[in-house]
Amino acid sequence: MSLIYTIAAHIMRKMPVCFGILIISANVCAAGSAERGAQQAITCAACHGSDGNSANPVWPSLAGQHETYLITTLKAFQKGSRSDVLMSAQAQALSDDSIADLAAYFAAQESLGRTADPKLVQAGERLYRGGNKEKNISACIACHGPAGRGNLPAAYPWLAGQHAAYTAKQLRDYASGARTSDKEQIMRSIGAKLSEDEIIAVSSYIQGLR
């Protein structure tokens, strides 16, 4: 448990000045209309599902994701700090109001529960809850919480129930530097230390969180 507390303390030391700003930002950004977003989300359904629960494991489920995180992510695609052949093009066409409305809609949807591979649960849980002290890998629970529901004020995303295939790809992208949208390079630092077996195990465990 000491590792978890150390990580949490480190994060809080980094955040004292901007913590209040993050809370204010959350209130300001969370002004979208879920009703308007429902209409715009029709074009998103092919990949992410009509209710934000994608059927294809390589495309993320968006249902239940924090509204402010969805806004930040879409803007990252617009700015280029995240890149995807499909999403980068889609994001460029969105106005700030459209982004806010889509975020409000998907945040209001219920995330479907999924299951983890029973063979990987023990290894995945060990890494998620305790990290790997020998490799200086932080515990996922410090930022994403015991149930994988993230941290809204700190803008850490909801992970619970996300497709294991998608989560594993993001970890690999962080490790390679292909994805650079993480704050203070936290996820790039963690991803670079993870073995392929650890990526697969923790991704499966996250898929089973509810």
N, C-alpha and C. Protein backbone atom coordinates (compact mmCIF):
# COMPACT_ATOMS: atom_id res chain seq x y z
N MET A 1 0.81 -1.21 0.00
CA MET A 1 0.00 0.00 0.00
C MET A 1 0.85 1.26 0.00
N SER A 2 2.07 1.18 0.52
CA SER A 2 2.91 2.37 0.61
C SER A 2 3.21 2.93 -0.77
N LEU A 3 3.34 2.05 -1.78
CA LEU A 3 3.60 2.50 -3.13
C LEU A 3 2.44 3.35 -3.64
N ILE A 4 1.23 2.90 -3.37
CA ILE A 4 0.04 3.62 -3.81
C ILE A 4 0.01 5.01 -3.17
N TYR A 5 0.25 5.05 -1.85
CA TYR A 5 0.23 6.34 -1.17
C TYR A 5 1.32 7.26 -1.69
N THR A 6 2.47 6.71 -1.99
CA THR A 6 3.57 7.53 -2.51
C THR A 6 3.19 8.14 -3.85
N ILE A 7 2.57 7.34 -4.71
CA ILE A 7 2.16 7.83 -6.03
C ILE A 7 1.11 8.92 -5.88
N ALA A 8 0.13 8.64 -5.01
CA ALA A 8 -0.94 9.63 -4.81
C ALA A 8 -0.40 10.94 -4.27
N ALA A 9 0.54 10.85 -3.33
CA ALA A 9 1.12 12.05 -2.75
C ALA A 9 1.90 12.84 -3.81
N HIS A 10 2.60 12.11 -4.68
CA HIS A 10 3.36 12.76 -5.74
C HIS A 10 2.42 13.52 -6.67
N ILE A 11 1.30 12.88 -7.03
CA ILE A 11 0.34 13.51 -7.92
C ILE A 11 -0.24 14.77 -7.29
N MET A 12 -0.59 14.68 -6.01
CA MET A 12 -1.20 15.83 -5.33
C MET A 12 -0.21 16.99 -5.22
N ARG A 13 1.09 16.67 -5.04
CA ARG A 13 2.08 17.74 -4.97
C ARG A 13 2.18 18.48 -6.30
N LYS A 14 1.90 17.76 -7.38
CA LYS A 14 1.97 18.35 -8.69
C LYS A 14 0.74 19.22 -9.00
N MET A 15 -0.32 19.00 -8.22
CA MET A 15 -1.59 19.58 -8.58
C MET A 15 -2.12 20.72 -7.71
N PRO A 16 -1.49 21.13 -6.60
CA PRO A 16 -2.14 22.05 -5.69
C PRO A 16 -2.58 23.35 -6.32
N VAL A 17 -1.79 23.90 -7.24
CA VAL A 17 -2.14 25.18 -7.82
C VAL A 17 -3.27 25.04 -8.82
N CYS A 18 -3.23 23.94 -9.60
CA CYS A 18 -4.21 23.81 -10.67
C CYS A 18 -5.42 22.97 -10.28
N PHE A 19 -5.43 22.43 -9.06
CA PHE A 19 -6.55 21.56 -8.67
C PHE A 19 -7.87 22.32 -8.74
N GLY A 20 -7.87 23.54 -8.18
CA GLY A 20 -9.08 24.34 -8.21
C GLY A 20 -9.47 24.71 -9.62
N ILE A 21 -8.47 24.95 -10.48
CA ILE A 21 -8.74 25.29 -11.87
C ILE A 21 -9.41 24.12 -12.57
N LEU A 22 -8.94 22.90 -12.26
CA LEU A 22 -9.51 21.72 -12.88
C LEU A 22 -10.99 21.58 -12.52
N ILE A 23 -11.31 21.84 -11.26
CA ILE A 23 -12.70 21.74 -10.83
C ILE A 23 -13.55 22.78 -11.54
N ILE A 24 -13.02 24.00 -11.62
CA ILE A 24 -13.74 25.07 -12.31
C ILE A 24 -13.93 24.71 -13.77
N SER A 25 -12.85 24.17 -14.39
CA SER A 25 -12.92 23.80 -15.79
C SER A 25 -13.98 22.74 -16.03
N ALA A 26 -14.07 21.79 -15.09
CA ALA A 26 -15.07 20.73 -15.23
C ALA A 26 -16.47 21.31 -15.26
N ASN A 27 -16.72 22.29 -14.40
CA ASN A 27 -18.03 22.90 -14.35
C ASN A 27 -18.32 23.71 -15.60
N VAL A 28 -17.29 24.37 -16.12
CA VAL A 28 -17.46 25.20 -17.30
C VAL A 28 -17.69 24.34 -18.53
N CYS A 29 -16.88 23.27 -18.66
CA CYS A 29 -16.94 22.43 -19.86
C CYS A 29 -18.19 21.57 -19.91
N ALA A 30 -18.71 21.22 -18.74
CA ALA A 30 -19.85 20.31 -18.68
C ALA A 30 -21.14 21.06 -18.95
N ALA A 31 -21.21 21.76 -20.10
CA ALA A 31 -22.38 22.56 -20.42
C ALA A 31 -23.04 22.08 -21.70
N GLY A 32 -22.65 20.91 -22.18
CA GLY A 32 -23.23 20.40 -23.40
C GLY A 32 -24.64 19.86 -23.19
N SER A 33 -25.35 19.67 -24.29
CA SER A 33 -26.71 19.14 -24.26
C SER A 33 -26.71 17.69 -24.74
N ALA A 34 -27.09 16.78 -23.85
CA ALA A 34 -27.15 15.37 -24.22
C ALA A 34 -28.20 15.14 -25.30
N GLU A 35 -29.25 15.93 -25.28
CA GLU A 35 -30.31 15.80 -26.29
C GLU A 35 -29.79 16.15 -27.68
N ARG A 36 -29.07 17.26 -27.76
CA ARG A 36 -28.48 17.63 -29.06
C ARG A 36 -27.40 16.61 -29.44
N GLY A 37 -26.66 16.16 -28.44
CA GLY A 37 -25.60 15.20 -28.70
C GLY A 37 -26.11 13.89 -29.27
N ALA A 38 -27.31 13.48 -28.86
CA ALA A 38 -27.90 12.23 -29.35
C ALA A 38 -28.07 12.27 -30.86
N GLN A 39 -28.44 13.41 -31.38
CA GLN A 39 -28.62 13.55 -32.83
C GLN A 39 -27.28 13.49 -33.55
N GLN A 40 -26.28 14.15 -32.98
CA GLN A 40 -24.97 14.18 -33.61
C GLN A 40 -24.25 12.84 -33.50
N ALA A 41 -24.59 12.09 -32.46
CA ALA A 41 -23.92 10.81 -32.20
C ALA A 41 -24.30 9.73 -33.21
N ILE A 42 -25.28 10.00 -34.03
CA ILE A 42 -25.69 9.02 -35.05
C ILE A 42 -24.51 8.67 -35.95
N THR A 43 -23.68 9.67 -36.25
CA THR A 43 -22.53 9.43 -37.12
C THR A 43 -21.42 8.66 -36.40
N CYS A 44 -21.47 8.65 -35.06
CA CYS A 44 -20.45 7.94 -34.26
C CYS A 44 -20.81 6.48 -34.05
N ALA A 45 -22.09 6.15 -34.30
CA ALA A 45 -22.61 4.83 -33.94
C ALA A 45 -21.91 3.69 -34.67
N ALA A 46 -21.46 3.91 -35.89
CA ALA A 46 -20.85 2.84 -36.67
C ALA A 46 -19.64 2.25 -35.96
N CYS A 47 -18.91 3.08 -35.25
CA CYS A 47 -17.72 2.60 -34.54
C CYS A 47 -17.96 2.42 -33.04
N HIS A 48 -18.65 3.37 -32.44
CA HIS A 48 -18.77 3.39 -30.98
C HIS A 48 -20.11 2.88 -30.45
N GLY A 49 -21.01 2.49 -31.34
CA GLY A 49 -22.32 2.01 -30.90
C GLY A 49 -23.27 3.16 -30.67
N SER A 50 -24.55 2.92 -30.88
CA SER A 50 -25.54 3.99 -30.74
C SER A 50 -25.62 4.53 -29.32
N ASP A 51 -25.29 3.66 -28.33
CA ASP A 51 -25.34 4.09 -26.93
C ASP A 51 -23.93 4.23 -26.35
N GLY A 52 -22.93 4.26 -27.23
CA GLY A 52 -21.56 4.43 -26.75
C GLY A 52 -20.87 3.14 -26.34
N ASN A 53 -21.54 2.01 -26.50
CA ASN A 53 -20.93 0.72 -26.20
C ASN A 53 -20.56 0.05 -27.52
N SER A 54 -19.29 0.10 -27.86
CA SER A 54 -18.86 -0.42 -29.16
C SER A 54 -18.87 -1.94 -29.18
N ALA A 55 -19.18 -2.48 -30.36
CA ALA A 55 -19.20 -3.93 -30.53
C ALA A 55 -17.83 -4.45 -30.95
N ASN A 56 -17.06 -3.62 -31.62
CA ASN A 56 -15.73 -4.01 -32.09
C ASN A 56 -14.70 -3.65 -31.03
N PRO A 57 -13.96 -4.63 -30.51
CA PRO A 57 -13.04 -4.38 -29.40
C PRO A 57 -11.86 -3.46 -29.73
N VAL A 58 -11.62 -3.17 -30.99
CA VAL A 58 -10.52 -2.26 -31.32
C VAL A 58 -10.96 -0.80 -31.25
N TRP A 59 -12.28 -0.58 -31.16
CA TRP A 59 -12.81 0.78 -31.03
C TRP A 59 -13.33 0.97 -29.61
N PRO A 60 -13.00 2.07 -28.97
CA PRO A 60 -13.37 2.23 -27.56
C PRO A 60 -14.85 2.43 -27.31
N SER A 61 -15.30 1.93 -26.19
CA SER A 61 -16.63 2.27 -25.70
C SER A 61 -16.53 3.63 -25.01
N LEU A 62 -17.50 4.48 -25.27
CA LEU A 62 -17.51 5.83 -24.72
C LEU A 62 -18.56 6.01 -23.63
N ALA A 63 -19.47 5.08 -23.52
CA ALA A 63 -20.57 5.19 -22.56
C ALA A 63 -20.06 5.34 -21.13
N GLY A 64 -20.53 6.37 -20.44
CA GLY A 64 -20.17 6.58 -19.05
C GLY A 64 -18.86 7.30 -18.84
N GLN A 65 -18.11 7.55 -19.91
CA GLN A 65 -16.83 8.24 -19.77
C GLN A 65 -17.07 9.67 -19.27
N HIS A 66 -16.13 10.19 -18.48
CA HIS A 66 -16.29 11.54 -17.94
C HIS A 66 -16.41 12.55 -19.07
N GLU A 67 -17.36 13.45 -18.90
CA GLU A 67 -17.66 14.45 -19.92
C GLU A 67 -16.43 15.29 -20.26
N THR A 68 -15.74 15.77 -19.25
CA THR A 68 -14.58 16.62 -19.49
C THR A 68 -13.45 15.86 -20.18
N TYR A 69 -13.32 14.57 -19.88
CA TYR A 69 -12.27 13.78 -20.53
C TYR A 69 -12.58 13.60 -22.01
N LEU A 70 -13.86 13.38 -22.34
CA LEU A 70 -14.25 13.24 -23.73
C LEU A 70 -13.97 14.54 -24.50
N ILE A 71 -14.24 15.66 -23.87
CA ILE A 71 -13.96 16.95 -24.50
C ILE A 71 -12.46 17.11 -24.75
N THR A 72 -11.68 16.81 -23.72
CA THR A 72 -10.22 16.91 -23.84
C THR A 72 -9.70 16.00 -24.94
N THR A 73 -10.25 14.79 -25.04
CA THR A 73 -9.80 13.82 -26.03
C THR A 73 -10.10 14.28 -27.45
N LEU A 74 -11.31 14.77 -27.68
CA LEU A 74 -11.67 15.24 -29.02
C LEU A 74 -10.81 16.44 -29.43
N LYS A 75 -10.52 17.30 -28.48
CA LYS A 75 -9.66 18.44 -28.78
C LYS A 75 -8.22 18.00 -29.04
N ALA A 76 -7.80 16.92 -28.38
CA ALA A 76 -6.47 16.38 -28.63
C ALA A 76 -6.36 15.86 -30.06
N PHE A 77 -7.44 15.24 -30.56
CA PHE A 77 -7.45 14.79 -31.95
C PHE A 77 -7.40 15.98 -32.90
N GLN A 78 -8.09 17.06 -32.53
CA GLN A 78 -8.06 18.26 -33.36
C GLN A 78 -6.67 18.88 -33.41
N LYS A 79 -6.00 18.90 -32.27
CA LYS A 79 -4.69 19.55 -32.17
C LYS A 79 -3.54 18.68 -32.65
N GLY A 80 -3.78 17.36 -32.70
CA GLY A 80 -2.75 16.46 -33.18
C GLY A 80 -1.93 15.77 -32.10
N SER A 81 -2.23 16.03 -30.82
CA SER A 81 -1.51 15.32 -29.77
C SER A 81 -1.97 13.87 -29.67
N ARG A 82 -3.13 13.59 -30.26
CA ARG A 82 -3.56 12.22 -30.52
C ARG A 82 -3.84 12.11 -32.00
N SER A 83 -3.54 10.94 -32.57
CA SER A 83 -3.71 10.78 -34.01
C SER A 83 -4.33 9.43 -34.34
N ASP A 84 -5.33 9.46 -35.20
CA ASP A 84 -5.98 8.25 -35.68
C ASP A 84 -6.58 8.58 -37.04
N VAL A 85 -6.43 7.67 -37.98
CA VAL A 85 -6.88 7.93 -39.34
C VAL A 85 -8.34 8.37 -39.39
N LEU A 86 -9.19 7.68 -38.63
CA LEU A 86 -10.61 7.99 -38.63
C LEU A 86 -10.95 9.17 -37.71
N MET A 87 -10.48 9.10 -36.48
CA MET A 87 -10.89 10.09 -35.49
C MET A 87 -10.31 11.48 -35.74
N SER A 88 -9.11 11.56 -36.22
CA SER A 88 -8.50 12.87 -36.48
C SER A 88 -9.34 13.64 -37.49
N ALA A 89 -9.77 12.96 -38.54
CA ALA A 89 -10.59 13.61 -39.57
C ALA A 89 -11.97 13.98 -39.03
N GLN A 90 -12.57 13.08 -38.25
CA GLN A 90 -13.89 13.35 -37.69
C GLN A 90 -13.85 14.55 -36.74
N ALA A 91 -12.83 14.61 -35.92
CA ALA A 91 -12.73 15.67 -34.92
C ALA A 91 -12.56 17.05 -35.55
N GLN A 92 -11.87 17.11 -36.67
CA GLN A 92 -11.63 18.40 -37.31
C GLN A 92 -12.92 19.09 -37.72
N ALA A 93 -13.95 18.30 -37.98
CA ALA A 93 -15.21 18.85 -38.45
C ALA A 93 -16.12 19.33 -37.31
N LEU A 94 -15.71 19.12 -36.06
CA LEU A 94 -16.57 19.43 -34.91
C LEU A 94 -16.29 20.82 -34.36
N SER A 95 -17.37 21.53 -34.04
CA SER A 95 -17.26 22.81 -33.35
C SER A 95 -17.14 22.55 -31.86
N ASP A 96 -16.80 23.57 -31.10
CA ASP A 96 -16.72 23.42 -29.64
C ASP A 96 -18.07 23.01 -29.06
N ASP A 97 -19.15 23.56 -29.60
CA ASP A 97 -20.49 23.21 -29.11
C ASP A 97 -20.82 21.75 -29.41
N SER A 98 -20.45 21.30 -30.60
CA SER A 98 -20.71 19.91 -30.97
C SER A 98 -19.93 18.95 -30.08
N ILE A 99 -18.70 19.30 -29.79
CA ILE A 99 -17.88 18.48 -28.90
C ILE A 99 -18.52 18.40 -27.52
N ALA A 100 -18.97 19.53 -27.00
CA ALA A 100 -19.60 19.55 -25.68
C ALA A 100 -20.88 18.72 -25.67
N ASP A 101 -21.67 18.79 -26.74
CA ASP A 101 -22.92 18.05 -26.82
C ASP A 101 -22.67 16.55 -26.91
N LEU A 102 -21.71 16.14 -27.73
CA LEU A 102 -21.38 14.73 -27.85
C LEU A 102 -20.86 14.17 -26.53
N ALA A 103 -20.03 14.95 -25.86
CA ALA A 103 -19.48 14.52 -24.56
C ALA A 103 -20.60 14.34 -23.55
N ALA A 104 -21.55 15.26 -23.53
CA ALA A 104 -22.67 15.18 -22.60
C ALA A 104 -23.51 13.93 -22.88
N TYR A 105 -23.72 13.63 -24.15
CA TYR A 105 -24.52 12.46 -24.51
C TYR A 105 -23.86 11.16 -24.09
N PHE A 106 -22.61 10.97 -24.48
CA PHE A 106 -21.94 9.71 -24.17
C PHE A 106 -21.71 9.54 -22.68
N ALA A 107 -21.46 10.63 -21.98
CA ALA A 107 -21.26 10.56 -20.54
C ALA A 107 -22.53 10.10 -19.82
N ALA A 108 -23.68 10.39 -20.42
CA ALA A 108 -24.96 10.04 -19.80
C ALA A 108 -25.39 8.61 -20.08
N GLN A 109 -24.68 7.91 -20.96
CA GLN A 109 -25.04 6.53 -21.30
C GLN A 109 -24.45 5.55 -20.28
N GLU A 110 -25.09 4.41 -20.18
CA GLU A 110 -24.65 3.40 -19.21
C GLU A 110 -23.64 2.45 -19.84
N SER A 111 -22.53 2.28 -19.17
CA SER A 111 -21.48 1.39 -19.65
C SER A 111 -21.87 -0.06 -19.41
N LEU A 112 -21.71 -0.90 -20.42
CA LEU A 112 -22.03 -2.31 -20.28
C LEU A 112 -20.91 -3.04 -19.52
N GLY A 113 -21.29 -3.95 -18.67
CA GLY A 113 -20.29 -4.73 -17.95
C GLY A 113 -19.69 -5.80 -18.84
N ARG A 114 -18.40 -5.99 -18.72
CA ARG A 114 -17.73 -7.05 -19.48
C ARG A 114 -16.96 -7.92 -18.49
N THR A 115 -16.35 -8.96 -18.99
CA THR A 115 -15.63 -9.88 -18.11
C THR A 115 -14.15 -9.96 -18.50
N ALA A 116 -13.35 -10.33 -17.52
CA ALA A 116 -11.92 -10.51 -17.75
C ALA A 116 -11.63 -11.98 -18.01
N ASP A 117 -10.50 -12.25 -18.62
CA ASP A 117 -10.05 -13.62 -18.82
C ASP A 117 -9.67 -14.18 -17.44
N PRO A 118 -10.35 -15.24 -16.98
CA PRO A 118 -10.06 -15.79 -15.65
C PRO A 118 -8.59 -16.14 -15.43
N LYS A 119 -7.92 -16.51 -16.50
CA LYS A 119 -6.51 -16.90 -16.39
C LYS A 119 -5.59 -15.70 -16.13
N LEU A 120 -6.10 -14.50 -16.42
CA LEU A 120 -5.27 -13.30 -16.29
C LEU A 120 -5.65 -12.41 -15.11
N VAL A 121 -6.72 -12.77 -14.42
CA VAL A 121 -7.23 -11.91 -13.35
C VAL A 121 -6.20 -11.67 -12.25
N GLN A 122 -5.57 -12.72 -11.78
CA GLN A 122 -4.64 -12.58 -10.66
C GLN A 122 -3.47 -11.66 -11.02
N ALA A 123 -2.86 -11.89 -12.18
CA ALA A 123 -1.73 -11.06 -12.61
C ALA A 123 -2.17 -9.63 -12.88
N GLY A 124 -3.34 -9.48 -13.51
CA GLY A 124 -3.84 -8.16 -13.83
C GLY A 124 -4.20 -7.37 -12.59
N GLU A 125 -4.83 -8.01 -11.63
CA GLU A 125 -5.21 -7.35 -10.38
C GLU A 125 -3.98 -6.94 -9.60
N ARG A 126 -2.98 -7.79 -9.58
CA ARG A 126 -1.75 -7.48 -8.85
C ARG A 126 -1.11 -6.20 -9.38
N LEU A 127 -1.06 -6.07 -10.68
CA LEU A 127 -0.45 -4.89 -11.28
C LEU A 127 -1.34 -3.66 -11.12
N TYR A 128 -2.64 -3.84 -11.33
CA TYR A 128 -3.57 -2.72 -11.22
C TYR A 128 -3.59 -2.14 -9.81
N ARG A 129 -3.61 -3.00 -8.83
CA ARG A 129 -3.75 -2.54 -7.45
C ARG A 129 -2.42 -2.27 -6.75
N GLY A 130 -1.37 -2.95 -7.16
CA GLY A 130 -0.10 -2.78 -6.44
C GLY A 130 1.07 -2.33 -7.28
N GLY A 131 0.89 -2.26 -8.60
CA GLY A 131 2.00 -1.89 -9.47
C GLY A 131 3.09 -2.95 -9.44
N ASN A 132 4.28 -2.55 -9.82
CA ASN A 132 5.43 -3.45 -9.80
C ASN A 132 6.60 -2.66 -9.23
N LYS A 133 6.87 -2.88 -7.96
CA LYS A 133 7.89 -2.10 -7.26
C LYS A 133 9.27 -2.31 -7.86
N GLU A 134 9.58 -3.53 -8.25
CA GLU A 134 10.90 -3.83 -8.80
C GLU A 134 11.18 -3.05 -10.08
N LYS A 135 10.14 -2.83 -10.88
CA LYS A 135 10.29 -2.10 -12.14
C LYS A 135 9.85 -0.64 -12.03
N ASN A 136 9.50 -0.24 -10.79
CA ASN A 136 9.04 1.12 -10.54
C ASN A 136 7.82 1.48 -11.40
N ILE A 137 6.89 0.53 -11.48
CA ILE A 137 5.64 0.75 -12.21
C ILE A 137 4.55 1.13 -11.21
N SER A 138 3.94 2.26 -11.43
CA SER A 138 2.90 2.75 -10.53
C SER A 138 1.64 1.89 -10.60
N ALA A 139 0.93 1.81 -9.49
CA ALA A 139 -0.35 1.10 -9.45
C ALA A 139 -1.41 1.93 -10.17
N CYS A 140 -2.18 1.30 -11.02
CA CYS A 140 -3.23 1.98 -11.78
C CYS A 140 -4.28 2.59 -10.85
N ILE A 141 -4.50 1.92 -9.71
CA ILE A 141 -5.53 2.33 -8.77
C ILE A 141 -5.31 3.75 -8.25
N ALA A 142 -4.05 4.20 -8.23
CA ALA A 142 -3.74 5.52 -7.68
C ALA A 142 -4.42 6.64 -8.45
N CYS A 143 -4.56 6.48 -9.76
CA CYS A 143 -5.20 7.51 -10.58
C CYS A 143 -6.61 7.12 -11.03
N HIS A 144 -6.81 5.83 -11.30
CA HIS A 144 -8.07 5.41 -11.89
C HIS A 144 -9.05 4.80 -10.90
N GLY A 145 -8.65 4.69 -9.64
CA GLY A 145 -9.56 4.25 -8.60
C GLY A 145 -9.73 2.75 -8.52
N PRO A 146 -10.23 2.24 -7.40
CA PRO A 146 -10.36 0.79 -7.19
C PRO A 146 -11.32 0.11 -8.16
N ALA A 147 -12.32 0.87 -8.64
CA ALA A 147 -13.28 0.28 -9.57
C ALA A 147 -13.05 0.73 -11.00
N GLY A 148 -11.95 1.43 -11.24
CA GLY A 148 -11.64 1.87 -12.59
C GLY A 148 -12.48 3.01 -13.10
N ARG A 149 -13.05 3.79 -12.19
CA ARG A 149 -13.95 4.87 -12.60
C ARG A 149 -13.25 6.22 -12.73
N GLY A 150 -11.95 6.23 -12.62
CA GLY A 150 -11.19 7.45 -12.85
C GLY A 150 -11.32 8.48 -11.75
N ASN A 151 -10.90 9.69 -12.09
CA ASN A 151 -10.93 10.80 -11.15
C ASN A 151 -11.33 12.03 -11.94
N LEU A 152 -12.57 12.47 -11.77
CA LEU A 152 -13.11 13.57 -12.56
C LEU A 152 -12.36 14.87 -12.36
N PRO A 153 -12.13 15.35 -11.10
CA PRO A 153 -11.42 16.62 -10.93
C PRO A 153 -10.01 16.61 -11.52
N ALA A 154 -9.35 15.47 -11.45
CA ALA A 154 -7.99 15.38 -11.96
C ALA A 154 -7.95 15.00 -13.45
N ALA A 155 -9.12 14.79 -14.04
CA ALA A 155 -9.24 14.46 -15.47
C ALA A 155 -8.63 13.11 -15.84
N TYR A 156 -8.64 12.16 -14.90
CA TYR A 156 -8.19 10.80 -15.21
C TYR A 156 -9.40 9.99 -15.67
N PRO A 157 -9.31 9.29 -16.78
CA PRO A 157 -10.48 8.67 -17.39
C PRO A 157 -11.04 7.44 -16.69
N TRP A 158 -12.30 7.20 -16.98
CA TRP A 158 -13.00 5.98 -16.58
C TRP A 158 -12.46 4.84 -17.45
N LEU A 159 -11.99 3.77 -16.84
CA LEU A 159 -11.45 2.63 -17.58
C LEU A 159 -12.32 1.39 -17.50
N ALA A 160 -13.12 1.28 -16.46
CA ALA A 160 -13.88 0.06 -16.18
C ALA A 160 -14.70 -0.39 -17.39
N GLY A 161 -14.55 -1.66 -17.75
CA GLY A 161 -15.34 -2.23 -18.83
C GLY A 161 -14.82 -1.95 -20.22
N GLN A 162 -13.73 -1.19 -20.33
CA GLN A 162 -13.19 -0.90 -21.66
C GLN A 162 -12.64 -2.17 -22.30
N HIS A 163 -12.78 -2.27 -23.60
CA HIS A 163 -12.28 -3.44 -24.32
C HIS A 163 -10.79 -3.64 -24.03
N ALA A 164 -10.42 -4.86 -23.72
CA ALA A 164 -9.02 -5.16 -23.43
C ALA A 164 -8.13 -4.88 -24.63
N ALA A 165 -8.60 -5.19 -25.82
CA ALA A 165 -7.81 -4.97 -27.03
C ALA A 165 -7.50 -3.49 -27.22
N TYR A 166 -8.50 -2.64 -26.94
CA TYR A 166 -8.30 -1.20 -27.09
C TYR A 166 -7.33 -0.68 -26.03
N THR A 167 -7.52 -1.08 -24.78
CA THR A 167 -6.65 -0.63 -23.70
C THR A 167 -5.21 -1.06 -23.96
N ALA A 168 -5.03 -2.29 -24.40
CA ALA A 168 -3.68 -2.79 -24.68
C ALA A 168 -3.01 -1.96 -25.76
N LYS A 169 -3.77 -1.58 -26.79
CA LYS A 169 -3.19 -0.76 -27.87
C LYS A 169 -2.76 0.60 -27.34
N GLN A 170 -3.57 1.19 -26.46
CA GLN A 170 -3.21 2.50 -25.92
C GLN A 170 -1.94 2.42 -25.09
N LEU A 171 -1.80 1.36 -24.32
CA LEU A 171 -0.59 1.18 -23.52
C LEU A 171 0.64 1.00 -24.42
N ARG A 172 0.47 0.27 -25.49
CA ARG A 172 1.58 0.11 -26.44
C ARG A 172 1.92 1.43 -27.11
N ASP A 173 0.89 2.21 -27.43
CA ASP A 173 1.11 3.51 -28.07
C ASP A 173 1.82 4.47 -27.12
N TYR A 174 1.45 4.43 -25.84
CA TYR A 174 2.16 5.25 -24.86
C TYR A 174 3.63 4.82 -24.77
N ALA A 175 3.83 3.52 -24.76
CA ALA A 175 5.19 2.99 -24.63
C ALA A 175 6.07 3.40 -25.80
N SER A 176 5.50 3.41 -27.00
CA SER A 176 6.27 3.73 -28.20
C SER A 176 6.38 5.24 -28.43
N GLY A 177 5.52 6.00 -27.74
CA GLY A 177 5.50 7.44 -27.95
C GLY A 177 4.55 7.86 -29.06
N ALA A 178 3.80 6.90 -29.60
CA ALA A 178 2.83 7.22 -30.64
C ALA A 178 1.68 8.05 -30.09
N ARG A 179 1.40 7.89 -28.81
CA ARG A 179 0.37 8.70 -28.15
C ARG A 179 1.05 9.58 -27.11
N THR A 180 0.77 10.90 -27.19
CA THR A 180 1.46 11.85 -26.31
C THR A 180 0.51 12.78 -25.56
N SER A 181 -0.75 12.36 -25.42
CA SER A 181 -1.75 13.23 -24.81
C SER A 181 -1.83 13.11 -23.29
N ASP A 182 -0.95 12.32 -22.68
CA ASP A 182 -0.99 12.14 -21.23
C ASP A 182 -0.33 13.32 -20.51
N LYS A 183 -0.88 13.66 -19.35
CA LYS A 183 -0.34 14.76 -18.56
C LYS A 183 1.01 14.37 -17.97
N GLU A 184 1.97 15.26 -18.10
CA GLU A 184 3.30 15.07 -17.50
C GLU A 184 3.94 13.74 -17.88
N GLN A 185 3.54 13.19 -19.01
CA GLN A 185 4.09 11.94 -19.53
C GLN A 185 3.94 10.77 -18.56
N ILE A 186 2.93 10.84 -17.71
CA ILE A 186 2.72 9.78 -16.71
C ILE A 186 2.53 8.42 -17.38
N MET A 187 1.62 8.36 -18.37
CA MET A 187 1.32 7.08 -18.99
C MET A 187 2.44 6.61 -19.92
N ARG A 188 3.15 7.53 -20.54
CA ARG A 188 4.29 7.13 -21.37
C ARG A 188 5.38 6.50 -20.51
N SER A 189 5.58 7.06 -19.33
CA SER A 189 6.58 6.53 -18.42
C SER A 189 6.20 5.12 -17.95
N ILE A 190 4.93 4.95 -17.62
CA ILE A 190 4.45 3.64 -17.16
C ILE A 190 4.48 2.62 -18.29
N GLY A 191 3.95 3.03 -19.45
CA GLY A 191 3.86 2.12 -20.59
C GLY A 191 5.21 1.58 -21.02
N ALA A 192 6.23 2.43 -20.93
CA ALA A 192 7.57 2.03 -21.37
C ALA A 192 8.16 0.93 -20.50
N LYS A 193 7.65 0.79 -19.28
CA LYS A 193 8.19 -0.20 -18.35
C LYS A 193 7.40 -1.50 -18.34
N LEU A 194 6.26 -1.51 -18.99
CA LEU A 194 5.41 -2.69 -18.98
C LEU A 194 5.87 -3.72 -20.00
N SER A 195 5.86 -4.98 -19.59
CA SER A 195 6.13 -6.06 -20.54
C SER A 195 4.84 -6.33 -21.31
N GLU A 196 4.95 -7.07 -22.41
CA GLU A 196 3.76 -7.41 -23.18
C GLU A 196 2.79 -8.25 -22.34
N ASP A 197 3.31 -9.15 -21.55
CA ASP A 197 2.44 -9.97 -20.69
C ASP A 197 1.71 -9.10 -19.68
N GLU A 198 2.38 -8.10 -19.14
CA GLU A 198 1.74 -7.20 -18.17
C GLU A 198 0.66 -6.36 -18.84
N ILE A 199 0.92 -5.91 -20.04
CA ILE A 199 -0.07 -5.13 -20.79
C ILE A 199 -1.33 -5.96 -21.02
N ILE A 200 -1.15 -7.18 -21.46
CA ILE A 200 -2.30 -8.05 -21.74
C ILE A 200 -3.08 -8.36 -20.46
N ALA A 201 -2.37 -8.64 -19.38
CA ALA A 201 -3.03 -9.00 -18.12
C ALA A 201 -3.82 -7.84 -17.53
N VAL A 202 -3.20 -6.67 -17.45
CA VAL A 202 -3.88 -5.54 -16.82
C VAL A 202 -5.02 -5.04 -17.70
N SER A 203 -4.87 -5.14 -19.02
CA SER A 203 -5.95 -4.73 -19.93
C SER A 203 -7.16 -5.63 -19.76
N SER A 204 -6.91 -6.92 -19.59
CA SER A 204 -8.00 -7.87 -19.38
C SER A 204 -8.69 -7.60 -18.04
N TYR A 205 -7.89 -7.32 -17.01
CA TYR A 205 -8.46 -7.04 -15.70
C TYR A 205 -9.35 -5.80 -15.74
N ILE A 206 -8.89 -4.77 -16.42
CA ILE A 206 -9.67 -3.53 -16.56
C ILE A 206 -10.99 -3.80 -17.28
N GLN A 207 -10.96 -4.66 -18.28
CA GLN A 207 -12.18 -5.00 -19.01
C GLN A 207 -13.24 -5.59 -18.06
N GLY A 208 -12.79 -6.29 -17.04
CA GLY A 208 -13.73 -6.93 -16.11
C GLY A 208 -14.17 -6.06 -14.96
N LEU A 209 -13.60 -4.86 -14.82
CA LEU A 209 -14.01 -3.97 -13.73
C LEU A 209 -15.39 -3.39 -13.99
N ARG A 210 -16.15 -3.17 -12.91
CA ARG A 210 -17.50 -2.59 -13.04
C ARG A 210 -17.73 -1.54 -11.96
